[in-house]
């Protein structure tokens, strides 16, 4: 195995570990806010790590650039999605007014 494959394997194992731990926490934790804390690392850390592992394994080229772009989108999108779900849940439980400033 080349060093590139070893780095990709290490990143992949880390990403899958984060995803599995988040899934396990999702099953164990009660309530929507605790579950949001479990899902946040999966969306903003686990999935991007998997995409970066694929980019490293692919090697230099257009495919790697596309995978790195996907990793950046996943990292940014995970945080935004978590905030949007938390806000919608707070509005539904009447903890936050629907017309409250963002």
N, C-alpha and C. Protein backbone atom coordinates (compact mmCIF):
# COMPACT_ATOMS: atom_id res chain seq x y z
N UNK A 1 0.84 -1.19 0.00
CA UNK A 1 0.00 0.00 0.00
C UNK A 1 0.88 1.25 0.00
N UNK A 2 0.45 2.19 -0.78
CA UNK A 2 1.18 3.45 -0.85
C UNK A 2 0.78 4.35 0.32
N UNK A 3 1.59 5.34 0.65
CA UNK A 3 1.22 6.27 1.73
C UNK A 3 -0.10 6.99 1.45
N UNK A 4 -0.37 7.28 0.18
CA UNK A 4 -1.63 7.95 -0.17
C UNK A 4 -2.82 7.07 0.22
N UNK A 5 -2.72 5.77 -0.05
CA UNK A 5 -3.81 4.86 0.31
C UNK A 5 -3.97 4.73 1.82
N UNK A 6 -2.85 4.76 2.53
CA UNK A 6 -2.92 4.69 4.00
C UNK A 6 -3.58 5.93 4.59
N UNK A 7 -3.24 7.10 4.05
CA UNK A 7 -3.88 8.34 4.52
C UNK A 7 -5.38 8.31 4.21
N UNK A 8 -5.72 7.85 3.00
CA UNK A 8 -7.13 7.76 2.62
C UNK A 8 -7.87 6.77 3.52
N UNK A 9 -7.24 5.68 3.84
CA UNK A 9 -7.86 4.69 4.72
C UNK A 9 -8.06 5.25 6.12
N UNK A 10 -7.07 5.98 6.63
CA UNK A 10 -7.21 6.59 7.96
C UNK A 10 -8.34 7.62 7.99
N UNK A 11 -8.42 8.45 6.95
CA UNK A 11 -9.52 9.42 6.87
C UNK A 11 -10.87 8.73 6.76
N UNK A 12 -10.93 7.67 5.98
CA UNK A 12 -12.17 6.93 5.82
C UNK A 12 -12.61 6.29 7.12
N UNK A 13 -11.68 5.70 7.85
CA UNK A 13 -12.02 5.09 9.14
C UNK A 13 -12.51 6.15 10.12
N UNK A 14 -11.86 7.30 10.15
CA UNK A 14 -12.31 8.38 11.04
C UNK A 14 -13.70 8.86 10.67
N UNK A 15 -13.95 9.06 9.38
CA UNK A 15 -15.26 9.51 8.92
C UNK A 15 -16.35 8.52 9.24
N UNK A 16 -16.08 7.24 9.01
CA UNK A 16 -17.08 6.21 9.30
C UNK A 16 -17.31 6.09 10.80
N UNK A 17 -16.25 6.25 11.60
CA UNK A 17 -16.41 6.21 13.06
C UNK A 17 -17.31 7.34 13.54
N UNK A 18 -17.12 8.54 13.00
CA UNK A 18 -17.98 9.67 13.38
C UNK A 18 -19.42 9.39 12.97
N UNK A 19 -19.63 8.86 11.77
CA UNK A 19 -20.99 8.56 11.32
C UNK A 19 -21.65 7.49 12.17
N UNK A 20 -20.91 6.45 12.52
CA UNK A 20 -21.48 5.38 13.35
C UNK A 20 -21.78 5.86 14.77
N UNK A 21 -20.88 6.64 15.35
CA UNK A 21 -21.13 7.17 16.69
C UNK A 21 -22.33 8.12 16.69
N UNK A 22 -22.47 8.91 15.64
CA UNK A 22 -23.63 9.80 15.55
C UNK A 22 -24.92 9.01 15.41
N UNK A 23 -24.89 7.94 14.63
CA UNK A 23 -26.07 7.10 14.48
C UNK A 23 -26.44 6.42 15.80
N UNK A 24 -25.44 5.96 16.52
CA UNK A 24 -25.70 5.34 17.82
C UNK A 24 -26.26 6.36 18.81
N UNK A 25 -25.70 7.55 18.82
CA UNK A 25 -26.20 8.61 19.71
C UNK A 25 -27.62 9.01 19.34
N UNK A 26 -27.94 8.97 18.06
CA UNK A 26 -29.29 9.30 17.62
C UNK A 26 -30.30 8.32 18.19
N UNK A 27 -29.91 7.06 18.30
CA UNK A 27 -30.82 6.06 18.85
C UNK A 27 -30.96 6.17 20.37
N UNK A 28 -29.92 6.65 21.04
CA UNK A 28 -29.89 6.64 22.50
C UNK A 28 -30.44 7.94 23.10
N UNK A 29 -30.14 9.07 22.50
CA UNK A 29 -30.47 10.36 23.11
C UNK A 29 -31.97 10.67 23.00
N UNK A 30 -32.53 11.24 24.07
CA UNK A 30 -33.94 11.62 24.04
C UNK A 30 -34.11 13.06 23.57
N UNK A 31 -35.21 13.35 22.96
CA UNK A 31 -35.55 14.72 22.60
C UNK A 31 -34.89 15.22 21.34
N UNK A 32 -35.53 16.17 20.68
CA UNK A 32 -35.01 16.66 19.41
C UNK A 32 -33.71 17.45 19.51
N UNK A 33 -33.52 18.20 20.59
CA UNK A 33 -32.30 19.01 20.69
C UNK A 33 -31.06 18.15 20.96
N UNK A 34 -31.22 17.13 21.78
CA UNK A 34 -30.11 16.21 22.01
C UNK A 34 -29.77 15.45 20.73
N UNK A 35 -30.78 15.10 19.97
CA UNK A 35 -30.54 14.40 18.71
C UNK A 35 -29.87 15.31 17.68
N UNK A 36 -30.18 16.59 17.72
CA UNK A 36 -29.49 17.52 16.83
C UNK A 36 -28.00 17.56 17.14
N UNK A 37 -27.66 17.48 18.42
CA UNK A 37 -26.24 17.44 18.80
C UNK A 37 -25.57 16.18 18.27
N UNK A 38 -26.33 15.10 18.16
CA UNK A 38 -25.77 13.86 17.62
C UNK A 38 -25.61 13.92 16.11
N UNK A 39 -26.51 14.59 15.42
CA UNK A 39 -26.47 14.64 13.96
C UNK A 39 -25.50 15.68 13.42
N UNK A 40 -25.22 16.69 14.19
CA UNK A 40 -24.35 17.75 13.72
C UNK A 40 -22.95 17.26 13.32
N UNK A 41 -22.28 16.43 14.11
CA UNK A 41 -20.97 15.95 13.68
C UNK A 41 -21.04 15.06 12.43
N UNK A 42 -22.13 14.34 12.27
CA UNK A 42 -22.25 13.47 11.09
C UNK A 42 -22.29 14.30 9.82
N UNK A 43 -23.05 15.39 9.85
CA UNK A 43 -23.18 16.21 8.65
C UNK A 43 -22.02 17.14 8.40
N UNK A 44 -21.40 17.62 9.46
CA UNK A 44 -20.34 18.61 9.25
C UNK A 44 -18.93 18.04 9.40
N UNK A 45 -18.78 16.79 9.86
CA UNK A 45 -17.46 16.21 10.01
C UNK A 45 -17.35 14.83 9.36
N UNK A 46 -18.29 13.95 9.63
CA UNK A 46 -18.21 12.58 9.14
C UNK A 46 -18.27 12.47 7.63
N UNK A 47 -19.30 13.04 7.03
CA UNK A 47 -19.44 12.96 5.57
C UNK A 47 -18.31 13.69 4.84
N UNK A 48 -17.90 14.89 5.28
CA UNK A 48 -16.74 15.52 4.61
C UNK A 48 -15.46 14.70 4.73
N UNK A 49 -15.25 14.02 5.85
CA UNK A 49 -14.06 13.19 5.98
C UNK A 49 -14.08 12.04 4.96
N UNK A 50 -15.24 11.48 4.73
CA UNK A 50 -15.36 10.42 3.73
C UNK A 50 -15.07 10.97 2.34
N UNK A 51 -15.58 12.16 2.04
CA UNK A 51 -15.33 12.78 0.73
C UNK A 51 -13.85 13.12 0.55
N UNK A 52 -13.21 13.60 1.60
CA UNK A 52 -11.77 13.90 1.52
C UNK A 52 -10.97 12.62 1.35
N UNK A 53 -11.38 11.56 2.03
CA UNK A 53 -10.70 10.26 1.87
C UNK A 53 -10.80 9.78 0.42
N UNK A 54 -11.95 9.94 -0.19
CA UNK A 54 -12.10 9.56 -1.59
C UNK A 54 -11.25 10.43 -2.50
N UNK A 55 -11.15 11.72 -2.18
CA UNK A 55 -10.34 12.63 -2.98
C UNK A 55 -8.85 12.26 -2.88
N UNK A 56 -8.41 11.93 -1.67
CA UNK A 56 -7.01 11.54 -1.49
C UNK A 56 -6.73 10.24 -2.23
N UNK A 57 -7.65 9.30 -2.15
CA UNK A 57 -7.45 8.01 -2.82
C UNK A 57 -7.48 8.15 -4.34
N UNK A 58 -8.28 9.08 -4.85
CA UNK A 58 -8.37 9.29 -6.29
C UNK A 58 -7.07 9.85 -6.85
N UNK A 59 -6.40 10.68 -6.07
CA UNK A 59 -5.17 11.29 -6.55
C UNK A 59 -5.46 12.62 -7.21
N UNK A 60 -4.41 13.30 -7.65
CA UNK A 60 -4.61 14.62 -8.25
C UNK A 60 -5.40 14.51 -9.55
N UNK A 61 -6.25 15.51 -9.75
CA UNK A 61 -7.04 15.53 -10.97
C UNK A 61 -8.40 16.18 -10.74
N UNK A 62 -9.20 16.13 -11.79
CA UNK A 62 -10.51 16.78 -11.73
C UNK A 62 -11.44 16.10 -10.74
N UNK A 63 -11.37 14.78 -10.67
CA UNK A 63 -12.25 14.06 -9.75
C UNK A 63 -11.96 14.44 -8.30
N UNK A 64 -10.69 14.60 -7.97
CA UNK A 64 -10.32 14.99 -6.60
C UNK A 64 -10.81 16.40 -6.28
N UNK A 65 -10.73 17.30 -7.25
CA UNK A 65 -11.22 18.67 -7.04
C UNK A 65 -12.72 18.65 -6.79
N UNK A 66 -13.44 17.85 -7.57
CA UNK A 66 -14.88 17.75 -7.38
C UNK A 66 -15.22 17.18 -6.01
N UNK A 67 -14.49 16.16 -5.59
CA UNK A 67 -14.73 15.57 -4.28
C UNK A 67 -14.41 16.54 -3.14
N UNK A 68 -13.36 17.32 -3.29
CA UNK A 68 -13.04 18.33 -2.27
C UNK A 68 -14.11 19.42 -2.21
N UNK A 69 -14.64 19.79 -3.38
CA UNK A 69 -15.74 20.77 -3.41
C UNK A 69 -16.97 20.20 -2.70
N UNK A 70 -17.26 18.93 -2.94
CA UNK A 70 -18.38 18.28 -2.25
C UNK A 70 -18.13 18.25 -0.75
N UNK A 71 -16.90 18.01 -0.33
CA UNK A 71 -16.58 18.00 1.10
C UNK A 71 -16.83 19.36 1.74
N UNK A 72 -16.46 20.42 1.04
CA UNK A 72 -16.69 21.78 1.56
C UNK A 72 -18.19 22.05 1.65
N UNK A 73 -18.94 21.66 0.63
CA UNK A 73 -20.39 21.86 0.66
C UNK A 73 -21.04 21.07 1.79
N UNK A 74 -20.58 19.84 2.01
CA UNK A 74 -21.12 19.04 3.10
C UNK A 74 -20.81 19.66 4.46
N UNK A 75 -19.61 20.15 4.64
CA UNK A 75 -19.23 20.76 5.91
C UNK A 75 -20.06 22.01 6.20
N UNK A 76 -20.23 22.85 5.18
CA UNK A 76 -21.03 24.07 5.37
C UNK A 76 -22.51 23.74 5.48
N UNK A 77 -22.97 22.83 4.66
CA UNK A 77 -24.39 22.48 4.66
C UNK A 77 -24.82 21.78 5.93
N UNK A 78 -23.94 20.99 6.53
CA UNK A 78 -24.30 20.30 7.77
C UNK A 78 -24.60 21.27 8.89
N UNK A 79 -23.79 22.29 9.03
CA UNK A 79 -24.01 23.28 10.09
C UNK A 79 -25.28 24.09 9.84
N UNK A 80 -25.48 24.48 8.59
CA UNK A 80 -26.66 25.28 8.25
C UNK A 80 -27.94 24.46 8.45
N UNK A 81 -27.91 23.21 8.05
CA UNK A 81 -29.08 22.35 8.21
C UNK A 81 -29.40 22.13 9.68
N UNK A 82 -28.38 21.94 10.50
CA UNK A 82 -28.60 21.75 11.93
C UNK A 82 -29.25 22.98 12.55
N UNK A 83 -28.77 24.16 12.18
CA UNK A 83 -29.37 25.39 12.71
C UNK A 83 -30.81 25.55 12.24
N UNK A 84 -31.09 25.24 10.98
CA UNK A 84 -32.45 25.38 10.46
C UNK A 84 -33.42 24.42 11.15
N UNK A 85 -32.98 23.19 11.36
CA UNK A 85 -33.84 22.22 12.04
C UNK A 85 -34.07 22.62 13.49
N UNK A 86 -33.05 23.11 14.16
CA UNK A 86 -33.21 23.57 15.54
C UNK A 86 -34.16 24.75 15.64
N UNK A 87 -34.05 25.67 14.70
CA UNK A 87 -34.95 26.83 14.70
C UNK A 87 -36.39 26.41 14.44
N UNK A 88 -36.59 25.52 13.47
CA UNK A 88 -37.94 25.05 13.17
C UNK A 88 -38.55 24.28 14.34
N UNK A 89 -37.73 23.51 15.02
CA UNK A 89 -38.22 22.77 16.19
C UNK A 89 -38.59 23.72 17.32
N UNK A 90 -37.77 24.74 17.54
CA UNK A 90 -38.08 25.72 18.58
C UNK A 90 -39.36 26.48 18.26
N UNK A 91 -39.58 26.80 16.99
CA UNK A 91 -40.82 27.48 16.60
C UNK A 91 -42.02 26.56 16.78
N UNK A 92 -41.87 25.30 16.45
CA UNK A 92 -42.97 24.36 16.58
C UNK A 92 -43.34 24.14 18.04
N UNK A 93 -42.36 24.15 18.92
CA UNK A 93 -42.62 23.97 20.35
C UNK A 93 -42.94 25.29 21.04
N UNK A 94 -43.10 26.33 20.26
CA UNK A 94 -43.45 27.67 20.73
C UNK A 94 -42.41 28.23 21.72
N UNK A 95 -41.18 27.86 21.53
CA UNK A 95 -40.10 28.45 22.31
C UNK A 95 -39.55 29.69 21.64
N UNK A 96 -39.92 29.85 20.37
CA UNK A 96 -39.44 30.96 19.56
C UNK A 96 -40.59 31.41 18.67
N UNK A 97 -40.81 32.72 18.60
CA UNK A 97 -41.87 33.21 17.72
C UNK A 97 -41.52 32.97 16.27
N UNK A 98 -42.54 32.75 15.44
CA UNK A 98 -42.31 32.50 14.02
C UNK A 98 -41.79 33.74 13.30
N UNK A 99 -42.09 34.92 13.84
CA UNK A 99 -41.64 36.15 13.20
C UNK A 99 -40.39 36.71 13.89
N UNK A 100 -39.73 35.91 14.72
CA UNK A 100 -38.52 36.37 15.43
C UNK A 100 -37.40 36.59 14.41
N UNK A 101 -36.56 37.59 14.66
CA UNK A 101 -35.45 37.84 13.74
C UNK A 101 -34.48 36.66 13.73
N UNK A 102 -33.84 36.52 12.60
CA UNK A 102 -32.91 35.40 12.44
C UNK A 102 -31.62 35.81 12.99
